[in-house]
N, C-alpha and C. Protein backbone atom coordinates (compact mmCIF):
# COMPACT_ATOMS: atom_id res chain seq x y z
N UNK A 1 27.85 6.24 -146.89
CA UNK A 1 27.90 4.82 -146.59
C UNK A 1 29.15 4.50 -145.77
N UNK A 2 30.27 5.16 -146.08
CA UNK A 2 31.45 4.88 -145.27
C UNK A 2 31.28 5.26 -143.83
N UNK A 3 30.76 6.47 -143.60
CA UNK A 3 30.60 6.93 -142.23
C UNK A 3 29.57 6.20 -141.48
N UNK A 4 28.42 5.96 -142.11
CA UNK A 4 27.26 5.40 -141.41
C UNK A 4 27.24 3.88 -141.33
N UNK A 5 28.03 3.25 -142.20
CA UNK A 5 27.95 1.76 -142.22
C UNK A 5 29.27 1.02 -142.26
N UNK A 6 30.11 1.33 -143.23
CA UNK A 6 31.29 0.51 -143.51
C UNK A 6 32.23 0.44 -142.25
N UNK A 7 32.49 1.61 -141.66
CA UNK A 7 33.38 1.65 -140.49
C UNK A 7 32.78 0.83 -139.32
N UNK A 8 31.47 0.89 -139.15
CA UNK A 8 30.84 0.13 -138.06
C UNK A 8 30.99 -1.38 -138.29
N UNK A 9 30.86 -1.79 -139.52
CA UNK A 9 31.01 -3.19 -139.86
C UNK A 9 32.42 -3.70 -139.60
N UNK A 10 33.40 -2.90 -139.95
CA UNK A 10 34.79 -3.30 -139.68
C UNK A 10 35.04 -3.40 -138.14
N UNK A 11 34.52 -2.45 -137.39
CA UNK A 11 34.66 -2.46 -135.93
C UNK A 11 34.07 -3.78 -135.38
N UNK A 12 32.91 -4.13 -135.87
CA UNK A 12 32.25 -5.35 -135.41
C UNK A 12 33.14 -6.57 -135.73
N UNK A 13 33.71 -6.61 -136.93
CA UNK A 13 34.54 -7.77 -137.30
C UNK A 13 35.79 -7.85 -136.41
N UNK A 14 36.32 -6.69 -136.04
CA UNK A 14 37.53 -6.66 -135.16
C UNK A 14 37.19 -7.05 -133.74
N UNK A 15 36.00 -6.65 -133.23
CA UNK A 15 35.60 -6.94 -131.89
C UNK A 15 34.97 -8.33 -131.64
N UNK A 16 34.40 -8.89 -132.71
CA UNK A 16 33.71 -10.13 -132.55
C UNK A 16 34.51 -11.23 -131.84
N UNK A 17 35.71 -11.55 -132.31
CA UNK A 17 36.42 -12.67 -131.65
C UNK A 17 36.96 -12.31 -130.26
N UNK A 18 37.36 -11.02 -130.07
CA UNK A 18 38.01 -10.68 -128.82
C UNK A 18 37.07 -10.20 -127.72
N UNK A 19 35.93 -9.58 -128.05
CA UNK A 19 35.08 -8.98 -127.02
C UNK A 19 33.63 -9.53 -127.02
N UNK A 20 33.11 -9.78 -128.24
CA UNK A 20 31.71 -10.14 -128.32
C UNK A 20 31.50 -11.66 -128.04
N UNK A 21 32.19 -12.51 -128.72
CA UNK A 21 32.02 -13.93 -128.50
C UNK A 21 32.33 -14.38 -127.06
N UNK A 22 33.37 -13.85 -126.39
CA UNK A 22 33.62 -14.30 -125.04
C UNK A 22 32.65 -13.71 -123.98
N UNK A 23 31.84 -12.74 -124.36
CA UNK A 23 30.92 -12.08 -123.40
C UNK A 23 29.76 -12.99 -123.03
N UNK A 24 29.22 -12.81 -121.85
CA UNK A 24 28.03 -13.58 -121.44
C UNK A 24 26.85 -13.19 -122.34
N UNK A 25 26.60 -11.89 -122.47
CA UNK A 25 25.55 -11.38 -123.35
C UNK A 25 26.10 -10.10 -124.06
N UNK A 26 26.52 -10.25 -125.28
CA UNK A 26 27.02 -9.12 -126.04
C UNK A 26 25.88 -8.46 -126.75
N UNK A 27 25.87 -7.11 -126.75
CA UNK A 27 24.86 -6.33 -127.46
C UNK A 27 25.51 -5.42 -128.45
N UNK A 28 24.95 -5.45 -129.67
CA UNK A 28 25.40 -4.56 -130.76
C UNK A 28 24.15 -3.81 -131.21
N UNK A 29 24.20 -2.48 -131.15
CA UNK A 29 23.06 -1.62 -131.50
C UNK A 29 23.48 -0.68 -132.63
N UNK A 30 22.77 -0.72 -133.73
CA UNK A 30 23.06 0.15 -134.83
C UNK A 30 22.01 1.28 -134.88
N UNK A 31 22.51 2.47 -134.95
CA UNK A 31 21.58 3.62 -135.05
C UNK A 31 21.23 3.83 -136.47
N UNK A 32 20.05 3.34 -136.83
CA UNK A 32 19.53 3.49 -138.19
C UNK A 32 18.66 4.78 -138.19
N UNK A 33 17.60 4.76 -139.00
CA UNK A 33 16.76 5.93 -139.12
C UNK A 33 15.51 5.60 -139.92
N UNK A 34 14.44 6.33 -139.66
CA UNK A 34 13.24 6.21 -140.49
C UNK A 34 13.55 6.64 -141.92
N UNK A 35 14.65 7.36 -142.07
CA UNK A 35 15.09 7.73 -143.42
C UNK A 35 15.49 6.53 -144.25
N UNK A 36 15.57 5.37 -143.63
CA UNK A 36 15.90 4.17 -144.37
C UNK A 36 14.85 3.89 -145.46
N UNK A 37 13.68 4.49 -145.32
CA UNK A 37 12.63 4.35 -146.38
C UNK A 37 12.89 5.27 -147.56
N UNK A 38 13.78 6.29 -147.37
CA UNK A 38 14.10 7.22 -148.43
C UNK A 38 15.34 6.79 -149.14
N UNK A 39 15.31 5.65 -149.80
CA UNK A 39 16.49 5.13 -150.48
C UNK A 39 16.24 4.94 -151.94
N UNK A 40 17.13 4.27 -152.60
CA UNK A 40 17.01 4.03 -154.04
C UNK A 40 16.07 2.87 -154.30
N UNK A 41 15.60 2.76 -155.52
CA UNK A 41 14.69 1.69 -155.93
C UNK A 41 15.26 0.32 -155.68
N UNK A 42 16.57 0.21 -155.77
CA UNK A 42 17.21 -1.10 -155.54
C UNK A 42 17.51 -1.36 -154.05
N UNK A 43 17.21 -0.44 -153.20
CA UNK A 43 17.47 -0.61 -151.76
C UNK A 43 18.83 -0.13 -151.37
N UNK A 44 19.84 -1.06 -151.46
CA UNK A 44 21.22 -0.69 -151.12
C UNK A 44 22.10 -1.23 -152.24
N UNK A 45 23.25 -0.55 -152.47
CA UNK A 45 24.19 -0.96 -153.49
C UNK A 45 24.90 -2.25 -153.07
N UNK A 46 25.16 -3.10 -154.01
CA UNK A 46 25.91 -4.33 -153.69
C UNK A 46 27.15 -4.45 -154.59
N UNK A 47 27.56 -3.33 -155.19
CA UNK A 47 28.80 -3.24 -155.99
C UNK A 47 29.22 -1.82 -156.05
N UNK A 48 30.51 -1.61 -156.34
CA UNK A 48 31.08 -0.24 -156.37
C UNK A 48 30.46 0.64 -157.48
N UNK A 49 30.19 0.04 -158.62
CA UNK A 49 29.64 0.81 -159.73
C UNK A 49 28.29 1.46 -159.32
N UNK A 50 27.45 0.67 -158.68
CA UNK A 50 26.15 1.16 -158.22
C UNK A 50 26.34 2.18 -157.11
N UNK A 51 27.23 1.89 -156.16
CA UNK A 51 27.44 2.79 -155.02
C UNK A 51 27.95 4.11 -155.46
N UNK A 52 28.83 4.16 -156.48
CA UNK A 52 29.43 5.41 -156.94
C UNK A 52 28.72 6.00 -158.15
N UNK A 53 27.54 5.45 -158.50
CA UNK A 53 26.80 6.01 -159.67
C UNK A 53 26.31 7.41 -159.37
N UNK A 54 26.07 8.21 -160.40
CA UNK A 54 25.53 9.55 -160.22
C UNK A 54 24.21 9.52 -159.50
N UNK A 55 23.94 10.49 -158.64
CA UNK A 55 22.69 10.49 -157.89
C UNK A 55 21.50 10.70 -158.80
N UNK A 56 20.42 10.17 -158.36
CA UNK A 56 19.14 10.37 -159.11
C UNK A 56 18.75 11.87 -159.00
N UNK A 57 18.00 12.34 -159.94
CA UNK A 57 17.60 13.77 -159.96
C UNK A 57 16.32 13.94 -159.14
N UNK A 58 16.08 15.19 -158.73
CA UNK A 58 14.87 15.50 -158.00
C UNK A 58 15.15 15.81 -156.53
N UNK A 59 14.17 16.38 -155.83
CA UNK A 59 14.33 16.79 -154.45
C UNK A 59 14.72 15.65 -153.53
N UNK A 60 14.06 14.50 -153.70
CA UNK A 60 14.30 13.40 -152.78
C UNK A 60 15.72 12.80 -152.99
N UNK A 61 16.37 13.09 -154.10
CA UNK A 61 17.69 12.51 -154.38
C UNK A 61 18.72 12.93 -153.30
N UNK A 62 18.52 14.05 -152.64
CA UNK A 62 19.43 14.47 -151.60
C UNK A 62 19.34 13.61 -150.38
N UNK A 63 18.19 12.93 -150.22
CA UNK A 63 17.99 12.09 -149.04
C UNK A 63 18.45 10.63 -149.34
N UNK A 64 18.46 10.22 -150.62
CA UNK A 64 18.74 8.86 -150.95
C UNK A 64 20.02 8.24 -150.43
N UNK A 65 21.18 8.96 -150.56
CA UNK A 65 22.41 8.37 -150.04
C UNK A 65 22.35 8.14 -148.50
N UNK A 66 21.77 9.09 -147.80
CA UNK A 66 21.63 8.91 -146.32
C UNK A 66 20.69 7.74 -146.04
N UNK A 67 19.50 7.73 -146.73
CA UNK A 67 18.56 6.63 -146.53
C UNK A 67 19.18 5.29 -146.83
N UNK A 68 19.97 5.20 -147.88
CA UNK A 68 20.63 3.97 -148.24
C UNK A 68 21.55 3.52 -147.09
N UNK A 69 22.29 4.40 -146.53
CA UNK A 69 23.23 4.02 -145.47
C UNK A 69 22.48 3.56 -144.22
N UNK A 70 21.31 4.11 -143.99
CA UNK A 70 20.53 3.71 -142.81
C UNK A 70 19.81 2.43 -143.04
N UNK A 71 19.37 2.18 -144.26
CA UNK A 71 18.75 0.86 -144.63
C UNK A 71 19.88 -0.21 -144.52
N UNK A 72 21.08 0.17 -144.91
CA UNK A 72 22.19 -0.74 -144.83
C UNK A 72 22.37 -1.30 -143.40
N UNK A 73 22.20 -0.45 -142.42
CA UNK A 73 22.34 -0.92 -141.04
C UNK A 73 21.27 -1.89 -140.67
N UNK A 74 20.11 -1.75 -141.15
CA UNK A 74 19.01 -2.67 -140.81
C UNK A 74 19.29 -4.02 -141.47
N UNK A 75 19.64 -4.00 -142.77
CA UNK A 75 19.98 -5.26 -143.51
C UNK A 75 21.13 -5.94 -142.86
N UNK A 76 22.17 -5.18 -142.53
CA UNK A 76 23.37 -5.77 -141.96
C UNK A 76 23.08 -6.43 -140.59
N UNK A 77 22.27 -5.75 -139.72
CA UNK A 77 21.94 -6.33 -138.41
C UNK A 77 21.18 -7.66 -138.60
N UNK A 78 20.28 -7.71 -139.58
CA UNK A 78 19.50 -8.93 -139.80
C UNK A 78 20.41 -10.06 -140.33
N UNK A 79 21.30 -9.68 -141.27
CA UNK A 79 22.16 -10.71 -141.85
C UNK A 79 23.20 -11.22 -140.83
N UNK A 80 23.76 -10.32 -140.04
CA UNK A 80 24.70 -10.69 -138.99
C UNK A 80 24.01 -11.65 -138.01
N UNK A 81 22.76 -11.36 -137.68
CA UNK A 81 21.99 -12.19 -136.75
C UNK A 81 21.84 -13.62 -137.36
N UNK A 82 21.44 -13.64 -138.64
CA UNK A 82 21.26 -14.92 -139.29
C UNK A 82 22.56 -15.72 -139.35
N UNK A 83 23.64 -15.07 -139.67
CA UNK A 83 24.96 -15.76 -139.74
C UNK A 83 25.38 -16.33 -138.40
N UNK A 84 25.19 -15.55 -137.31
CA UNK A 84 25.54 -16.00 -135.94
C UNK A 84 24.72 -17.23 -135.61
N UNK A 85 23.41 -17.17 -135.93
CA UNK A 85 22.53 -18.33 -135.60
C UNK A 85 22.97 -19.56 -136.40
N UNK A 86 23.35 -19.35 -137.62
CA UNK A 86 23.78 -20.47 -138.46
C UNK A 86 25.03 -21.14 -137.88
N UNK A 87 25.87 -20.36 -137.19
CA UNK A 87 27.05 -20.90 -136.53
C UNK A 87 26.80 -21.35 -135.11
N UNK A 88 25.55 -21.27 -134.63
CA UNK A 88 25.19 -21.71 -133.30
C UNK A 88 25.58 -20.70 -132.22
N UNK A 89 25.88 -19.51 -132.57
CA UNK A 89 26.27 -18.48 -131.58
C UNK A 89 25.03 -17.81 -131.03
N UNK A 90 24.81 -17.92 -129.69
CA UNK A 90 23.56 -17.46 -129.12
C UNK A 90 23.73 -16.28 -128.15
N UNK A 91 24.96 -15.86 -127.89
CA UNK A 91 25.16 -14.81 -126.88
C UNK A 91 25.28 -13.41 -127.44
N UNK A 92 25.19 -13.25 -128.75
CA UNK A 92 25.37 -11.91 -129.40
C UNK A 92 23.98 -11.45 -129.89
N UNK A 93 23.55 -10.31 -129.42
CA UNK A 93 22.21 -9.73 -129.74
C UNK A 93 22.48 -8.49 -130.55
N UNK A 94 22.09 -8.51 -131.81
CA UNK A 94 22.29 -7.38 -132.72
C UNK A 94 20.93 -6.82 -133.10
N UNK A 95 20.71 -5.52 -132.93
CA UNK A 95 19.46 -4.86 -133.30
C UNK A 95 19.79 -3.49 -133.93
N UNK A 96 18.84 -2.98 -134.69
CA UNK A 96 18.95 -1.63 -135.24
C UNK A 96 17.78 -0.80 -134.74
N UNK A 97 18.00 0.49 -134.71
CA UNK A 97 16.95 1.33 -134.15
C UNK A 97 16.96 2.72 -134.76
N UNK A 98 15.81 3.35 -134.75
CA UNK A 98 15.60 4.74 -135.15
C UNK A 98 15.34 5.56 -133.88
N UNK A 99 16.20 6.51 -133.52
CA UNK A 99 15.98 7.25 -132.26
C UNK A 99 14.80 8.23 -132.35
N UNK A 100 14.32 8.49 -133.51
CA UNK A 100 13.29 9.55 -133.66
C UNK A 100 13.98 10.82 -134.04
N UNK A 101 13.19 11.75 -134.43
CA UNK A 101 13.75 13.09 -134.68
C UNK A 101 13.96 13.75 -133.32
N UNK A 102 15.20 14.07 -133.08
CA UNK A 102 15.59 14.54 -131.69
C UNK A 102 16.11 15.95 -131.82
N UNK A 103 15.69 16.75 -130.85
CA UNK A 103 16.10 18.17 -130.76
C UNK A 103 17.49 18.26 -130.17
N UNK A 104 18.47 18.23 -131.08
CA UNK A 104 19.89 18.33 -130.69
C UNK A 104 20.52 19.40 -131.54
N UNK A 105 21.75 19.70 -131.31
CA UNK A 105 22.47 20.71 -132.04
C UNK A 105 22.86 20.29 -133.49
N UNK A 106 22.57 19.01 -133.81
CA UNK A 106 22.88 18.56 -135.19
C UNK A 106 22.09 19.38 -136.19
N UNK A 107 20.94 19.90 -135.85
CA UNK A 107 20.13 20.67 -136.70
C UNK A 107 20.77 22.04 -137.02
N UNK A 108 21.65 22.49 -136.15
CA UNK A 108 22.34 23.82 -136.30
C UNK A 108 23.34 23.77 -137.43
N UNK A 109 23.88 22.57 -137.69
CA UNK A 109 24.95 22.47 -138.73
C UNK A 109 24.52 21.70 -139.95
N UNK A 110 23.21 21.55 -140.14
CA UNK A 110 22.68 20.82 -141.30
C UNK A 110 22.95 21.69 -142.55
N UNK A 111 23.72 21.17 -143.49
CA UNK A 111 24.03 21.98 -144.68
C UNK A 111 22.84 22.29 -145.54
N UNK A 112 21.83 21.41 -145.53
CA UNK A 112 20.62 21.64 -146.34
C UNK A 112 19.86 22.81 -145.75
N UNK A 113 19.74 22.88 -144.44
CA UNK A 113 18.98 23.94 -143.78
C UNK A 113 19.71 25.29 -143.80
N UNK A 114 21.04 25.26 -143.86
CA UNK A 114 21.74 26.55 -143.85
C UNK A 114 21.44 27.42 -145.08
N UNK A 115 21.09 26.78 -146.18
CA UNK A 115 20.76 27.55 -147.36
C UNK A 115 19.26 27.50 -147.66
N UNK A 116 18.48 27.02 -146.76
CA UNK A 116 17.02 26.89 -146.93
C UNK A 116 16.33 28.22 -146.82
N UNK A 117 15.12 28.40 -147.41
CA UNK A 117 14.38 29.63 -147.24
C UNK A 117 14.01 29.85 -145.76
N UNK A 118 13.76 31.06 -145.40
CA UNK A 118 13.47 31.42 -144.03
C UNK A 118 12.22 30.66 -143.47
N UNK A 119 11.19 30.51 -144.28
CA UNK A 119 10.03 29.81 -143.80
C UNK A 119 10.36 28.38 -143.38
N UNK A 120 11.25 27.72 -144.11
CA UNK A 120 11.64 26.34 -143.82
C UNK A 120 12.45 26.31 -142.53
N UNK A 121 13.32 27.29 -142.37
CA UNK A 121 14.14 27.34 -141.11
C UNK A 121 13.23 27.52 -139.89
N UNK A 122 12.17 28.34 -140.09
CA UNK A 122 11.22 28.60 -138.95
C UNK A 122 10.41 27.34 -138.69
N UNK A 123 10.06 26.59 -139.75
CA UNK A 123 9.30 25.37 -139.58
C UNK A 123 10.12 24.40 -138.81
N UNK A 124 11.41 24.20 -139.15
CA UNK A 124 12.24 23.29 -138.42
C UNK A 124 12.42 23.69 -136.99
N UNK A 125 12.54 24.98 -136.72
CA UNK A 125 12.68 25.47 -135.36
C UNK A 125 11.42 25.11 -134.56
N UNK A 126 10.25 25.31 -135.18
CA UNK A 126 8.99 24.95 -134.49
C UNK A 126 8.99 23.45 -134.23
N UNK A 127 9.35 22.63 -135.17
CA UNK A 127 9.33 21.19 -135.00
C UNK A 127 10.31 20.78 -133.90
N UNK A 128 11.46 21.46 -133.87
CA UNK A 128 12.47 21.14 -132.83
C UNK A 128 11.90 21.37 -131.46
N UNK A 129 11.21 22.49 -131.32
CA UNK A 129 10.76 22.88 -129.98
C UNK A 129 9.43 22.20 -129.59
N UNK A 130 8.60 21.92 -130.54
CA UNK A 130 7.24 21.40 -130.21
C UNK A 130 6.98 19.94 -130.54
N UNK A 131 7.74 19.34 -131.41
CA UNK A 131 7.42 18.02 -131.93
C UNK A 131 8.49 16.98 -131.65
N UNK A 132 9.73 17.37 -131.79
CA UNK A 132 10.84 16.47 -131.71
C UNK A 132 11.06 15.94 -130.30
N UNK A 133 11.63 14.72 -130.19
CA UNK A 133 12.01 14.15 -128.89
C UNK A 133 13.09 14.98 -128.22
N UNK A 134 13.04 15.08 -126.92
CA UNK A 134 14.21 15.66 -126.25
C UNK A 134 15.34 14.63 -126.26
N UNK A 135 16.61 15.02 -126.06
CA UNK A 135 17.69 14.08 -126.10
C UNK A 135 17.53 12.90 -125.17
N UNK A 136 17.02 13.11 -124.01
CA UNK A 136 16.84 12.06 -123.03
C UNK A 136 15.94 10.97 -123.56
N UNK A 137 14.78 11.36 -124.05
CA UNK A 137 13.81 10.41 -124.60
C UNK A 137 14.29 9.75 -125.88
N UNK A 138 15.01 10.57 -126.68
CA UNK A 138 15.56 10.07 -127.95
C UNK A 138 16.59 8.96 -127.73
N UNK A 139 17.27 9.00 -126.57
CA UNK A 139 18.28 7.99 -126.24
C UNK A 139 17.70 6.72 -125.62
N UNK A 140 16.45 6.76 -125.25
CA UNK A 140 15.87 5.64 -124.48
C UNK A 140 15.95 4.29 -125.19
N UNK A 141 15.55 4.23 -126.45
CA UNK A 141 15.54 2.93 -127.14
C UNK A 141 16.99 2.40 -127.26
N UNK A 142 17.91 3.27 -127.62
CA UNK A 142 19.30 2.86 -127.76
C UNK A 142 19.86 2.33 -126.45
N UNK A 143 19.58 3.04 -125.37
CA UNK A 143 20.03 2.56 -124.05
C UNK A 143 19.39 1.26 -123.62
N UNK A 144 18.10 1.14 -123.90
CA UNK A 144 17.37 -0.08 -123.58
C UNK A 144 17.98 -1.27 -124.31
N UNK A 145 18.25 -1.13 -125.59
CA UNK A 145 18.78 -2.23 -126.38
C UNK A 145 20.20 -2.58 -125.91
N UNK A 146 20.94 -1.61 -125.41
CA UNK A 146 22.29 -1.84 -124.90
C UNK A 146 22.29 -2.36 -123.50
N UNK A 147 21.28 -2.11 -122.73
CA UNK A 147 21.33 -2.43 -121.29
C UNK A 147 20.41 -3.54 -120.83
N UNK A 148 19.33 -3.83 -121.59
CA UNK A 148 18.28 -4.74 -121.15
C UNK A 148 18.72 -6.19 -121.41
N UNK A 149 19.84 -6.57 -120.82
CA UNK A 149 20.44 -7.88 -121.05
C UNK A 149 19.45 -9.04 -120.75
N UNK A 150 18.86 -8.99 -119.61
CA UNK A 150 17.91 -10.09 -119.23
C UNK A 150 16.72 -10.19 -120.14
N UNK A 151 16.17 -9.05 -120.49
CA UNK A 151 14.98 -9.04 -121.38
C UNK A 151 15.32 -9.51 -122.81
N UNK A 152 16.48 -9.08 -123.28
CA UNK A 152 16.90 -9.50 -124.61
C UNK A 152 17.00 -11.02 -124.67
N UNK A 153 17.66 -11.58 -123.65
CA UNK A 153 17.78 -13.04 -123.57
C UNK A 153 16.44 -13.78 -123.40
N UNK A 154 15.60 -13.26 -122.47
CA UNK A 154 14.35 -13.90 -122.16
C UNK A 154 13.39 -13.94 -123.39
N UNK A 155 13.41 -12.81 -124.13
CA UNK A 155 12.49 -12.70 -125.28
C UNK A 155 13.15 -12.95 -126.63
N UNK A 156 14.44 -13.30 -126.59
CA UNK A 156 15.25 -13.54 -127.77
C UNK A 156 15.10 -12.39 -128.79
N UNK A 157 15.36 -11.21 -128.37
CA UNK A 157 15.22 -9.99 -129.17
C UNK A 157 16.49 -9.72 -129.94
N UNK A 158 16.52 -10.16 -131.19
CA UNK A 158 17.73 -9.96 -131.97
C UNK A 158 17.32 -9.84 -133.47
N UNK A 159 18.12 -9.09 -134.23
CA UNK A 159 17.84 -8.89 -135.62
C UNK A 159 16.60 -8.08 -135.95
N UNK A 160 16.21 -7.26 -135.00
CA UNK A 160 14.95 -6.52 -135.13
C UNK A 160 15.23 -5.02 -135.32
N UNK A 161 14.19 -4.32 -135.74
CA UNK A 161 14.24 -2.89 -135.96
C UNK A 161 13.27 -2.19 -135.01
N UNK A 162 13.76 -1.18 -134.31
CA UNK A 162 13.03 -0.54 -133.24
C UNK A 162 12.85 0.94 -133.50
N UNK A 163 11.77 1.52 -133.04
CA UNK A 163 11.51 2.98 -133.10
C UNK A 163 11.47 3.48 -131.68
N UNK A 164 11.34 4.80 -131.47
CA UNK A 164 11.32 5.40 -130.16
C UNK A 164 10.36 4.71 -129.17
N UNK A 165 10.72 4.78 -127.94
CA UNK A 165 9.94 4.22 -126.84
C UNK A 165 9.90 2.70 -126.92
N UNK A 166 11.00 2.11 -127.42
CA UNK A 166 11.19 0.69 -127.47
C UNK A 166 10.10 -0.08 -128.20
N UNK A 167 9.65 0.50 -129.31
CA UNK A 167 8.59 -0.10 -130.06
C UNK A 167 9.20 -0.84 -131.30
N UNK A 168 8.90 -2.10 -131.38
CA UNK A 168 9.40 -2.90 -132.53
C UNK A 168 8.52 -2.59 -133.76
N UNK A 169 9.14 -2.28 -134.91
CA UNK A 169 8.39 -2.00 -136.11
C UNK A 169 8.91 -2.78 -137.28
N UNK A 170 8.12 -2.77 -138.36
CA UNK A 170 8.53 -3.42 -139.61
C UNK A 170 9.38 -2.46 -140.41
N UNK A 171 10.56 -2.84 -140.83
CA UNK A 171 11.42 -1.98 -141.62
C UNK A 171 11.01 -1.95 -143.10
N UNK A 172 11.76 -1.26 -143.87
CA UNK A 172 11.61 -1.17 -145.32
C UNK A 172 11.45 -2.58 -145.93
N UNK A 173 10.71 -2.69 -146.98
CA UNK A 173 10.39 -4.00 -147.57
C UNK A 173 11.69 -4.69 -148.07
N UNK A 174 12.73 -3.95 -148.32
CA UNK A 174 13.99 -4.55 -148.77
C UNK A 174 14.57 -5.45 -147.67
N UNK A 175 14.18 -5.19 -146.43
CA UNK A 175 14.69 -6.00 -145.30
C UNK A 175 14.18 -7.45 -145.34
N UNK A 176 13.20 -7.72 -146.17
CA UNK A 176 12.67 -9.10 -146.33
C UNK A 176 13.36 -9.81 -147.47
N UNK A 177 14.29 -9.15 -148.17
CA UNK A 177 14.93 -9.72 -149.32
C UNK A 177 16.27 -10.40 -148.88
N UNK A 178 16.21 -11.73 -148.65
CA UNK A 178 17.35 -12.41 -148.14
C UNK A 178 18.51 -12.39 -149.14
N UNK A 179 18.27 -12.40 -150.44
CA UNK A 179 19.31 -12.36 -151.42
C UNK A 179 20.04 -11.03 -151.31
N UNK A 180 19.29 -9.94 -151.21
CA UNK A 180 19.90 -8.61 -151.12
C UNK A 180 20.75 -8.51 -149.84
N UNK A 181 20.26 -9.07 -148.74
CA UNK A 181 21.04 -9.04 -147.50
C UNK A 181 22.36 -9.75 -147.65
N UNK A 182 22.34 -10.93 -148.25
CA UNK A 182 23.55 -11.71 -148.41
C UNK A 182 24.49 -10.99 -149.38
N UNK A 183 24.01 -10.48 -150.46
CA UNK A 183 24.90 -9.76 -151.40
C UNK A 183 25.48 -8.52 -150.78
N UNK A 184 24.66 -7.82 -150.00
CA UNK A 184 25.18 -6.62 -149.35
C UNK A 184 26.21 -6.97 -148.30
N UNK A 185 25.98 -8.03 -147.56
CA UNK A 185 26.98 -8.48 -146.56
C UNK A 185 28.33 -8.80 -147.27
N UNK A 186 28.29 -9.52 -148.35
CA UNK A 186 29.50 -9.85 -149.07
C UNK A 186 30.19 -8.60 -149.60
N UNK A 187 29.41 -7.63 -150.10
CA UNK A 187 30.00 -6.39 -150.59
C UNK A 187 30.65 -5.62 -149.41
N UNK A 188 30.03 -5.58 -148.28
CA UNK A 188 30.59 -4.90 -147.13
C UNK A 188 31.89 -5.55 -146.69
N UNK A 189 31.95 -6.88 -146.67
CA UNK A 189 33.17 -7.61 -146.33
C UNK A 189 34.26 -7.26 -147.33
N UNK A 190 33.94 -7.20 -148.59
CA UNK A 190 34.93 -6.81 -149.61
C UNK A 190 35.46 -5.41 -149.39
N UNK A 191 34.57 -4.48 -148.97
CA UNK A 191 35.03 -3.13 -148.78
C UNK A 191 35.91 -2.97 -147.49
N UNK A 192 35.71 -3.87 -146.55
CA UNK A 192 36.48 -3.78 -145.30
C UNK A 192 37.69 -4.67 -145.26
N UNK A 193 38.01 -5.39 -146.30
CA UNK A 193 39.08 -6.37 -146.23
C UNK A 193 40.45 -5.70 -146.00
N UNK A 194 40.65 -4.48 -146.49
CA UNK A 194 41.94 -3.84 -146.32
C UNK A 194 42.11 -3.40 -144.86
N UNK A 195 41.01 -3.13 -144.14
CA UNK A 195 41.11 -2.75 -142.75
C UNK A 195 41.50 -3.92 -141.86
N UNK A 196 41.42 -5.14 -142.38
CA UNK A 196 41.75 -6.33 -141.55
C UNK A 196 43.14 -6.81 -141.83
N UNK A 197 43.88 -6.16 -142.74
CA UNK A 197 45.25 -6.62 -143.03
C UNK A 197 46.22 -6.31 -141.90
């Protein structure tokens, strides 16, 4: 959660008054993941006790912390968008996206795969070479959200979740929970308060 979300939120808070608000069209793009569906039953933690609680048991439990951090980015993008609109700020466009499974060297250092059985390593190698996006195509949605200034403004594309090839999709059902989004936002602000001193 610290690496995938909290630090990004603090950076946004620091840049908002000095770089984003004065810009003609500011774009904030959060790299989420389809793994956002592999989270806990409560979606995302909204207090330290829950965030630091022992992991759930079972195979999927190894994915839950990562999935939670990626769902956090979707919820945060939507809540930030709502808050900006509430303040009448129209020049900041915040979106989250899933780049797709991309054939990069990150797979070479995956700790789960390093101790996996040989058949699983071979399966991942096959998927990397035959199924996954190449890095250029995997970067397309991220680049589009960062560069398509005119289209973002014309179509008012903000607070949305995107998949590869610039396709807008419906995120995890927790993204419809406005109470969860507000509580998570407040929790994130609490966690970043020391970075603003």
